[in-house]
Amino acid sequence: MTEQKDMNFETALGELEKIVAQLESGQGDLENSIKIYERGVALRKFCEDKLKEAEARIEKISLDGAGQVKTEPLDA
C-alpha cells in the first residue's frame, strides 16, 4: 500500500475501486475485510479532499473585462 501523502487522486481512486470490488465479492475473512474497509474509508476522504482542492482552484479562474482568462492565487 502506498502512503496517501505520496498518492495522486487517480492512484487513490484506483486503489479505492479495487477495495470496493474486493469487499463486494464477499471473499476474504472478516478481519481482512475490516482492515481494507478502514483503508477504503481513508482513501475516500483523501479523494474527497483532493476534489475539494481542485474545485477551489477552478473557482479562482475567471475572465477579465476583455474576456481573457485570469487566475488568482488560491490563498488570495
N, C-alpha and C. Protein backbone atom coordinates (compact mmCIF):
# COMPACT_ATOMS: atom_id res chain seq x y z
N MET A 1 0.82 -1.18 0.00
CA MET A 1 0.00 0.00 0.00
C MET A 1 0.87 1.25 0.00
N THR A 2 0.52 2.17 -0.84
CA THR A 2 1.23 3.43 -0.92
C THR A 2 0.69 4.38 0.15
N GLU A 3 1.58 5.14 0.75
CA GLU A 3 1.15 6.16 1.71
C GLU A 3 0.30 7.19 0.98
N GLN A 4 -0.76 7.65 1.62
CA GLN A 4 -1.64 8.63 0.97
C GLN A 4 -0.90 9.90 0.60
N LYS A 5 0.01 10.35 1.43
CA LYS A 5 0.71 11.60 1.13
C LYS A 5 1.53 11.50 -0.16
N ASP A 6 1.85 10.28 -0.57
CA ASP A 6 2.63 10.06 -1.79
C ASP A 6 1.74 9.76 -2.99
N MET A 7 0.42 9.81 -2.82
CA MET A 7 -0.51 9.44 -3.88
C MET A 7 -1.05 10.67 -4.60
N ASN A 8 -1.43 10.42 -5.84
CA ASN A 8 -2.23 11.43 -6.52
C ASN A 8 -3.67 10.92 -6.51
N PHE A 9 -4.59 11.74 -6.99
CA PHE A 9 -6.00 11.38 -6.97
C PHE A 9 -6.28 10.09 -7.73
N GLU A 10 -5.71 9.96 -8.91
CA GLU A 10 -6.00 8.81 -9.75
C GLU A 10 -5.54 7.50 -9.11
N THR A 11 -4.38 7.52 -8.48
CA THR A 11 -3.86 6.32 -7.81
C THR A 11 -4.76 5.95 -6.64
N ALA A 12 -5.16 6.93 -5.85
CA ALA A 12 -6.03 6.68 -4.71
C ALA A 12 -7.38 6.14 -5.16
N LEU A 13 -7.94 6.73 -6.21
CA LEU A 13 -9.22 6.27 -6.72
C LEU A 13 -9.13 4.84 -7.24
N GLY A 14 -8.05 4.52 -7.92
CA GLY A 14 -7.85 3.16 -8.42
C GLY A 14 -7.79 2.15 -7.29
N GLU A 15 -7.06 2.49 -6.24
CA GLU A 15 -6.98 1.58 -5.09
C GLU A 15 -8.34 1.44 -4.42
N LEU A 16 -9.06 2.54 -4.32
CA LEU A 16 -10.39 2.51 -3.72
C LEU A 16 -11.34 1.62 -4.53
N GLU A 17 -11.26 1.70 -5.84
CA GLU A 17 -12.10 0.85 -6.69
C GLU A 17 -11.78 -0.63 -6.48
N LYS A 18 -10.50 -0.96 -6.32
CA LYS A 18 -10.11 -2.35 -6.05
C LYS A 18 -10.66 -2.83 -4.71
N ILE A 19 -10.61 -1.94 -3.71
CA ILE A 19 -11.13 -2.30 -2.39
C ILE A 19 -12.63 -2.57 -2.47
N VAL A 20 -13.35 -1.70 -3.16
CA VAL A 20 -14.80 -1.89 -3.29
C VAL A 20 -15.10 -3.23 -3.97
N ALA A 21 -14.39 -3.53 -5.04
CA ALA A 21 -14.61 -4.79 -5.75
C ALA A 21 -14.31 -5.98 -4.84
N GLN A 22 -13.25 -5.89 -4.06
CA GLN A 22 -12.89 -6.97 -3.17
C GLN A 22 -13.95 -7.17 -2.09
N LEU A 23 -14.44 -6.07 -1.53
CA LEU A 23 -15.47 -6.18 -0.50
C LEU A 23 -16.79 -6.70 -1.08
N GLU A 24 -17.13 -6.25 -2.29
CA GLU A 24 -18.36 -6.70 -2.92
C GLU A 24 -18.32 -8.19 -3.28
N SER A 25 -17.12 -8.72 -3.51
CA SER A 25 -17.00 -10.13 -3.87
C SER A 25 -17.36 -11.03 -2.69
N GLY A 26 -17.24 -10.50 -1.48
CA GLY A 26 -17.58 -11.28 -0.30
C GLY A 26 -16.54 -12.32 0.07
N GLN A 27 -15.42 -12.31 -0.63
CA GLN A 27 -14.38 -13.28 -0.33
C GLN A 27 -13.39 -12.66 0.64
N GLY A 28 -12.79 -13.47 1.42
CA GLY A 28 -11.83 -13.00 2.41
C GLY A 28 -12.42 -13.10 3.79
N ASP A 29 -11.54 -13.15 4.76
CA ASP A 29 -12.02 -13.28 6.13
C ASP A 29 -12.46 -11.93 6.69
N LEU A 30 -13.17 -12.01 7.80
CA LEU A 30 -13.74 -10.81 8.41
C LEU A 30 -12.68 -9.80 8.81
N GLU A 31 -11.61 -10.28 9.42
CA GLU A 31 -10.57 -9.36 9.89
C GLU A 31 -9.94 -8.58 8.73
N ASN A 32 -9.64 -9.26 7.64
CA ASN A 32 -9.07 -8.60 6.47
C ASN A 32 -10.08 -7.63 5.85
N SER A 33 -11.34 -8.02 5.82
CA SER A 33 -12.38 -7.15 5.26
C SER A 33 -12.49 -5.86 6.06
N ILE A 34 -12.40 -5.96 7.36
CA ILE A 34 -12.45 -4.76 8.21
C ILE A 34 -11.23 -3.88 7.93
N LYS A 35 -10.09 -4.50 7.81
CA LYS A 35 -8.85 -3.75 7.54
C LYS A 35 -8.93 -2.99 6.22
N ILE A 36 -9.37 -3.68 5.16
CA ILE A 36 -9.42 -2.98 3.87
C ILE A 36 -10.57 -1.98 3.83
N TYR A 37 -11.64 -2.23 4.59
CA TYR A 37 -12.73 -1.25 4.68
C TYR A 37 -12.20 0.05 5.29
N GLU A 38 -11.42 -0.08 6.36
CA GLU A 38 -10.83 1.10 7.00
C GLU A 38 -9.95 1.86 6.02
N ARG A 39 -9.16 1.13 5.25
CA ARG A 39 -8.32 1.76 4.22
C ARG A 39 -9.20 2.47 3.19
N GLY A 40 -10.29 1.84 2.81
CA GLY A 40 -11.21 2.44 1.85
C GLY A 40 -11.81 3.73 2.35
N VAL A 41 -12.17 3.77 3.62
CA VAL A 41 -12.73 4.99 4.21
C VAL A 41 -11.69 6.12 4.15
N ALA A 42 -10.45 5.80 4.49
CA ALA A 42 -9.39 6.81 4.45
C ALA A 42 -9.15 7.29 3.02
N LEU A 43 -9.17 6.37 2.06
CA LEU A 43 -8.97 6.76 0.66
C LEU A 43 -10.12 7.60 0.15
N ARG A 44 -11.33 7.28 0.55
CA ARG A 44 -12.49 8.08 0.14
C ARG A 44 -12.35 9.52 0.63
N LYS A 45 -11.94 9.68 1.87
CA LYS A 45 -11.75 11.03 2.41
C LYS A 45 -10.63 11.76 1.66
N PHE A 46 -9.55 11.05 1.38
CA PHE A 46 -8.44 11.63 0.63
C PHE A 46 -8.92 12.12 -0.73
N CYS A 47 -9.70 11.29 -1.44
CA CYS A 47 -10.21 11.67 -2.76
C CYS A 47 -11.16 12.86 -2.66
N GLU A 48 -12.03 12.86 -1.66
CA GLU A 48 -12.94 13.99 -1.48
C GLU A 48 -12.17 15.28 -1.24
N ASP A 49 -11.14 15.21 -0.41
CA ASP A 49 -10.32 16.40 -0.14
C ASP A 49 -9.63 16.90 -1.40
N LYS A 50 -9.09 15.99 -2.20
CA LYS A 50 -8.44 16.38 -3.46
C LYS A 50 -9.44 17.03 -4.41
N LEU A 51 -10.65 16.50 -4.48
CA LEU A 51 -11.67 17.10 -5.35
C LEU A 51 -12.06 18.49 -4.86
N LYS A 52 -12.16 18.67 -3.56
CA LYS A 52 -12.48 19.99 -3.00
C LYS A 52 -11.38 20.99 -3.32
N GLU A 53 -10.12 20.55 -3.23
CA GLU A 53 -9.00 21.42 -3.58
C GLU A 53 -9.07 21.83 -5.04
N ALA A 54 -9.35 20.87 -5.91
CA ALA A 54 -9.44 21.17 -7.34
C ALA A 54 -10.59 22.12 -7.63
N GLU A 55 -11.71 21.90 -6.97
CA GLU A 55 -12.87 22.77 -7.16
C GLU A 55 -12.54 24.20 -6.73
N ALA A 56 -11.84 24.35 -5.61
CA ALA A 56 -11.46 25.68 -5.14
C ALA A 56 -10.53 26.37 -6.15
N ARG A 57 -9.62 25.62 -6.72
CA ARG A 57 -8.71 26.19 -7.72
C ARG A 57 -9.47 26.63 -8.97
N ILE A 58 -10.42 25.82 -9.39
CA ILE A 58 -11.21 26.15 -10.58
C ILE A 58 -12.04 27.41 -10.34
N GLU A 59 -12.58 27.55 -9.14
CA GLU A 59 -13.38 28.72 -8.83
C GLU A 59 -12.56 30.01 -8.87
N LYS A 60 -11.27 29.91 -8.71
CA LYS A 60 -10.39 31.09 -8.75
C LYS A 60 -10.13 31.55 -10.18
N ILE A 61 -10.44 30.72 -11.15
CA ILE A 61 -10.23 31.10 -12.55
C ILE A 61 -11.43 31.93 -13.00
N SER A 62 -11.16 33.06 -13.59
CA SER A 62 -12.24 33.92 -14.05
C SER A 62 -11.82 34.65 -15.32
N LEU A 63 -12.75 35.37 -15.91
CA LEU A 63 -12.46 36.17 -17.10
C LEU A 63 -12.35 37.64 -16.70
N ASP A 64 -11.38 38.34 -17.31
CA ASP A 64 -11.28 39.78 -17.07
C ASP A 64 -12.22 40.51 -18.02
N GLY A 65 -12.23 41.82 -17.97
CA GLY A 65 -13.12 42.63 -18.80
C GLY A 65 -12.95 42.41 -20.28
N ALA A 66 -11.77 42.03 -20.74
CA ALA A 66 -11.50 41.82 -22.16
C ALA A 66 -11.78 40.37 -22.58
N GLY A 67 -12.34 39.57 -21.67
CA GLY A 67 -12.64 38.19 -21.99
C GLY A 67 -11.44 37.26 -21.91
N GLN A 68 -10.36 37.75 -21.32
CA GLN A 68 -9.15 36.91 -21.17
C GLN A 68 -9.23 36.17 -19.83
N VAL A 69 -8.72 34.97 -19.85
CA VAL A 69 -8.69 34.18 -18.62
C VAL A 69 -7.63 34.75 -17.69
N LYS A 70 -8.04 34.94 -16.45
CA LYS A 70 -7.06 35.36 -15.44
C LYS A 70 -7.22 34.43 -14.25
N THR A 71 -6.17 34.24 -13.55
CA THR A 71 -6.23 33.39 -12.36
C THR A 71 -5.73 34.17 -11.17
N GLU A 72 -6.20 33.78 -10.02
CA GLU A 72 -5.74 34.36 -8.77
C GLU A 72 -5.08 33.26 -7.96
N PRO A 73 -4.12 33.61 -7.14
CA PRO A 73 -3.56 32.58 -6.25
C PRO A 73 -4.66 32.03 -5.36
N LEU A 74 -4.62 30.77 -5.07
CA LEU A 74 -5.63 30.11 -4.27
C LEU A 74 -5.75 30.76 -2.89
N ASP A 75 -4.64 31.20 -2.35
CA ASP A 75 -4.66 31.74 -0.99
C ASP A 75 -4.92 33.25 -0.95
N ALA A 76 -5.30 33.85 -2.07
CA ALA A 76 -5.55 35.29 -2.11
C ALA A 76 -6.83 35.65 -1.41
